[in-house]
Amino acid sequence: MRSNCLFFALALYARRRRMGREGYLVIRRSRLAWKGPHLLYAERRHDGRLRVVSYVPRAPEVRKCPPALFRGWPRWGD
């Protein structure tokens, strides 16, 4: 599947919201792009900790400008 962290996090947020779950969109600096943002989805667990999931590339490589769409998978606990 080709996607990116933005589309993945927004789709997961919308899907979980429809199910009645409260979630958050989190932005942090990307580890693979020099100045790029990375969008993650998070939801609060019963013990108060955040459960975080993001979409990451299969073959991570540091670049100045990452591709708009790439092959990847969800990563829990990012």
N, C-alpha and C. Protein backbone atom coordinates (compact mmCIF):
# COMPACT_ATOMS: atom_id res chain seq x y z
N MET A 1 0.84 -1.17 0.00
CA MET A 1 0.00 0.00 0.00
C MET A 1 0.89 1.24 0.00
N ARG A 2 0.58 2.18 -0.85
CA ARG A 2 1.29 3.45 -0.88
C ARG A 2 0.47 4.49 -0.14
N SER A 3 1.10 5.18 0.78
CA SER A 3 0.44 6.22 1.55
C SER A 3 1.53 7.09 2.16
N ASN A 4 1.17 7.91 3.10
CA ASN A 4 2.14 8.65 3.90
C ASN A 4 1.55 8.87 5.28
N CYS A 5 2.31 9.42 6.18
CA CYS A 5 1.87 9.54 7.57
C CYS A 5 0.65 10.45 7.70
N LEU A 6 0.53 11.45 6.87
CA LEU A 6 -0.61 12.37 6.94
C LEU A 6 -1.91 11.65 6.63
N PHE A 7 -1.98 10.98 5.48
CA PHE A 7 -3.21 10.28 5.09
C PHE A 7 -3.54 9.16 6.08
N PHE A 8 -2.53 8.43 6.52
CA PHE A 8 -2.74 7.32 7.45
C PHE A 8 -3.30 7.82 8.78
N ALA A 9 -2.69 8.84 9.36
CA ALA A 9 -3.13 9.35 10.66
C ALA A 9 -4.54 9.94 10.58
N LEU A 10 -4.83 10.68 9.53
CA LEU A 10 -6.17 11.26 9.39
C LEU A 10 -7.23 10.19 9.19
N ALA A 11 -6.94 9.17 8.39
CA ALA A 11 -7.90 8.08 8.17
C ALA A 11 -8.13 7.29 9.45
N LEU A 12 -7.06 7.00 10.18
CA LEU A 12 -7.21 6.27 11.44
C LEU A 12 -7.98 7.09 12.47
N TYR A 13 -7.70 8.38 12.53
CA TYR A 13 -8.44 9.27 13.44
C TYR A 13 -9.93 9.26 13.11
N ALA A 14 -10.28 9.40 11.83
CA ALA A 14 -11.68 9.42 11.42
C ALA A 14 -12.36 8.08 11.71
N ARG A 15 -11.68 6.97 11.43
CA ARG A 15 -12.25 5.65 11.66
C ARG A 15 -12.51 5.41 13.15
N ARG A 16 -11.53 5.75 13.98
CA ARG A 16 -11.70 5.54 15.43
C ARG A 16 -12.75 6.49 16.00
N ARG A 17 -12.84 7.68 15.45
CA ARG A 17 -13.83 8.67 15.90
C ARG A 17 -15.25 8.16 15.64
N ARG A 18 -15.43 7.55 14.45
CA ARG A 18 -16.74 6.98 14.11
C ARG A 18 -17.12 5.85 15.07
N MET A 19 -16.12 5.16 15.61
CA MET A 19 -16.36 4.07 16.56
C MET A 19 -16.60 4.61 17.98
N GLY A 20 -16.49 5.92 18.17
CA GLY A 20 -16.72 6.53 19.46
C GLY A 20 -15.49 6.61 20.35
N ARG A 21 -14.30 6.45 19.79
CA ARG A 21 -13.08 6.50 20.58
C ARG A 21 -12.44 7.87 20.46
N GLU A 22 -11.92 8.36 21.56
CA GLU A 22 -11.26 9.66 21.57
C GLU A 22 -9.79 9.46 21.21
N GLY A 23 -9.32 10.20 20.22
CA GLY A 23 -7.93 10.09 19.80
C GLY A 23 -7.32 11.45 19.57
N TYR A 24 -6.04 11.46 19.30
CA TYR A 24 -5.29 12.70 19.11
C TYR A 24 -4.41 12.59 17.88
N LEU A 25 -4.21 13.70 17.19
CA LEU A 25 -3.22 13.78 16.12
C LEU A 25 -2.00 14.48 16.71
N VAL A 26 -0.85 13.87 16.56
CA VAL A 26 0.38 14.38 17.15
C VAL A 26 1.37 14.68 16.04
N ILE A 27 2.02 15.83 16.12
CA ILE A 27 3.04 16.20 15.13
C ILE A 27 4.39 16.25 15.83
N ARG A 28 5.37 15.65 15.19
CA ARG A 28 6.74 15.73 15.69
C ARG A 28 7.68 15.85 14.49
N ARG A 29 8.94 16.13 14.77
CA ARG A 29 9.93 16.24 13.71
C ARG A 29 10.22 14.85 13.16
N SER A 30 10.31 14.74 11.85
CA SER A 30 10.60 13.47 11.22
C SER A 30 12.05 13.08 11.45
N ARG A 31 12.28 11.80 11.66
CA ARG A 31 13.65 11.30 11.80
C ARG A 31 14.28 11.02 10.45
N LEU A 32 13.47 11.00 9.39
CA LEU A 32 13.98 10.65 8.06
C LEU A 32 14.08 11.83 7.11
N ALA A 33 13.54 12.97 7.47
CA ALA A 33 13.64 14.16 6.63
C ALA A 33 14.29 15.27 7.46
N TRP A 34 15.12 16.05 6.85
CA TRP A 34 15.88 17.06 7.59
C TRP A 34 14.99 18.04 8.33
N LYS A 35 13.97 18.55 7.66
CA LYS A 35 13.11 19.55 8.30
C LYS A 35 11.63 19.20 8.18
N GLY A 36 11.33 17.96 7.91
CA GLY A 36 9.95 17.58 7.67
C GLY A 36 9.21 17.17 8.93
N PRO A 37 7.91 17.42 8.96
CA PRO A 37 7.09 16.98 10.09
C PRO A 37 6.66 15.53 9.91
N HIS A 38 6.26 14.89 10.98
CA HIS A 38 5.74 13.52 10.97
C HIS A 38 4.46 13.53 11.78
N LEU A 39 3.37 13.02 11.22
CA LEU A 39 2.07 13.02 11.88
C LEU A 39 1.78 11.62 12.41
N LEU A 40 1.35 11.55 13.67
CA LEU A 40 1.06 10.29 14.33
C LEU A 40 -0.35 10.33 14.91
N TYR A 41 -0.91 9.16 15.18
CA TYR A 41 -2.20 9.06 15.86
C TYR A 41 -1.93 8.50 17.25
N ALA A 42 -2.63 9.03 18.25
CA ALA A 42 -2.46 8.55 19.63
C ALA A 42 -3.81 8.48 20.31
N GLU A 43 -3.96 7.52 21.22
CA GLU A 43 -5.15 7.46 22.06
C GLU A 43 -4.71 7.10 23.47
N ARG A 44 -5.48 7.58 24.43
CA ARG A 44 -5.14 7.38 25.83
C ARG A 44 -5.61 6.01 26.29
N ARG A 45 -4.72 5.28 26.98
CA ARG A 45 -5.07 3.99 27.57
C ARG A 45 -5.75 4.20 28.90
N HIS A 46 -6.27 3.12 29.46
CA HIS A 46 -6.97 3.21 30.75
C HIS A 46 -6.05 3.63 31.88
N ASP A 47 -4.75 3.32 31.77
CA ASP A 47 -3.81 3.68 32.83
C ASP A 47 -3.23 5.09 32.64
N GLY A 48 -3.69 5.82 31.61
CA GLY A 48 -3.27 7.20 31.41
C GLY A 48 -2.16 7.39 30.40
N ARG A 49 -1.48 6.31 30.00
CA ARG A 49 -0.42 6.43 29.00
C ARG A 49 -1.01 6.58 27.60
N LEU A 50 -0.22 7.12 26.68
CA LEU A 50 -0.67 7.26 25.30
C LEU A 50 -0.22 6.06 24.48
N ARG A 51 -1.12 5.56 23.66
CA ARG A 51 -0.82 4.50 22.70
C ARG A 51 -0.65 5.20 21.37
N VAL A 52 0.54 5.11 20.78
CA VAL A 52 0.88 5.87 19.58
C VAL A 52 1.07 4.92 18.41
N VAL A 53 0.58 5.31 17.23
CA VAL A 53 0.78 4.54 16.01
C VAL A 53 1.11 5.52 14.89
N SER A 54 2.04 5.13 14.01
CA SER A 54 2.38 5.96 12.87
C SER A 54 2.61 5.09 11.65
N TYR A 55 2.71 5.69 10.50
CA TYR A 55 2.98 5.00 9.24
C TYR A 55 4.42 5.28 8.86
N VAL A 56 5.22 4.22 8.75
CA VAL A 56 6.65 4.37 8.47
C VAL A 56 7.02 3.60 7.20
N PRO A 57 8.06 4.06 6.49
CA PRO A 57 8.47 3.35 5.27
C PRO A 57 9.10 2.00 5.56
N ARG A 58 9.00 1.09 4.60
CA ARG A 58 9.61 -0.23 4.74
C ARG A 58 11.13 -0.14 4.76
N ALA A 59 11.66 0.71 3.91
CA ALA A 59 13.11 0.87 3.82
C ALA A 59 13.46 2.32 4.18
N PRO A 60 13.57 2.64 5.48
CA PRO A 60 13.84 4.03 5.87
C PRO A 60 15.21 4.50 5.39
N GLU A 61 15.21 5.72 4.89
CA GLU A 61 16.43 6.33 4.37
C GLU A 61 16.34 7.83 4.60
N VAL A 62 17.36 8.41 5.21
CA VAL A 62 17.36 9.85 5.47
C VAL A 62 17.49 10.60 4.14
N ARG A 63 16.61 11.57 3.92
CA ARG A 63 16.60 12.36 2.69
C ARG A 63 16.33 13.83 3.02
N LYS A 64 16.70 14.68 2.09
CA LYS A 64 16.37 16.10 2.26
C LYS A 64 14.87 16.30 2.08
N CYS A 65 14.31 15.64 1.08
CA CYS A 65 12.88 15.76 0.79
C CYS A 65 12.31 14.35 0.61
N PRO A 66 11.51 13.87 1.54
CA PRO A 66 10.97 12.52 1.42
C PRO A 66 9.91 12.45 0.31
N PRO A 67 9.67 11.27 -0.25
CA PRO A 67 8.64 11.14 -1.28
C PRO A 67 7.24 11.39 -0.70
N ALA A 68 6.34 11.85 -1.55
CA ALA A 68 4.98 12.15 -1.10
C ALA A 68 4.24 10.87 -0.71
N LEU A 69 4.40 9.82 -1.46
CA LEU A 69 3.78 8.53 -1.18
C LEU A 69 4.87 7.47 -1.17
N PHE A 70 4.76 6.52 -0.27
CA PHE A 70 5.76 5.46 -0.18
C PHE A 70 5.11 4.19 0.36
N ARG A 71 5.79 3.07 0.14
CA ARG A 71 5.32 1.80 0.69
C ARG A 71 5.78 1.69 2.14
N GLY A 72 4.86 1.33 3.00
CA GLY A 72 5.20 1.25 4.41
C GLY A 72 4.19 0.43 5.18
N TRP A 73 4.24 0.52 6.50
CA TRP A 73 3.31 -0.18 7.38
C TRP A 73 3.13 0.59 8.68
N PRO A 74 2.07 0.26 9.41
CA PRO A 74 1.86 0.93 10.70
C PRO A 74 2.89 0.47 11.71
N ARG A 75 3.29 1.38 12.56
CA ARG A 75 4.23 1.04 13.63
C ARG A 75 3.63 1.51 14.95
N TRP A 76 3.37 0.57 15.83
CA TRP A 76 2.80 0.87 17.13
C TRP A 76 3.92 1.18 18.10
N GLY A 77 3.70 2.18 18.94
CA GLY A 77 4.68 2.53 19.95
C GLY A 77 5.82 3.36 19.43
N ASP A 78 5.56 4.22 18.48
CA ASP A 78 6.61 5.06 17.90
C ASP A 78 7.01 6.15 18.87
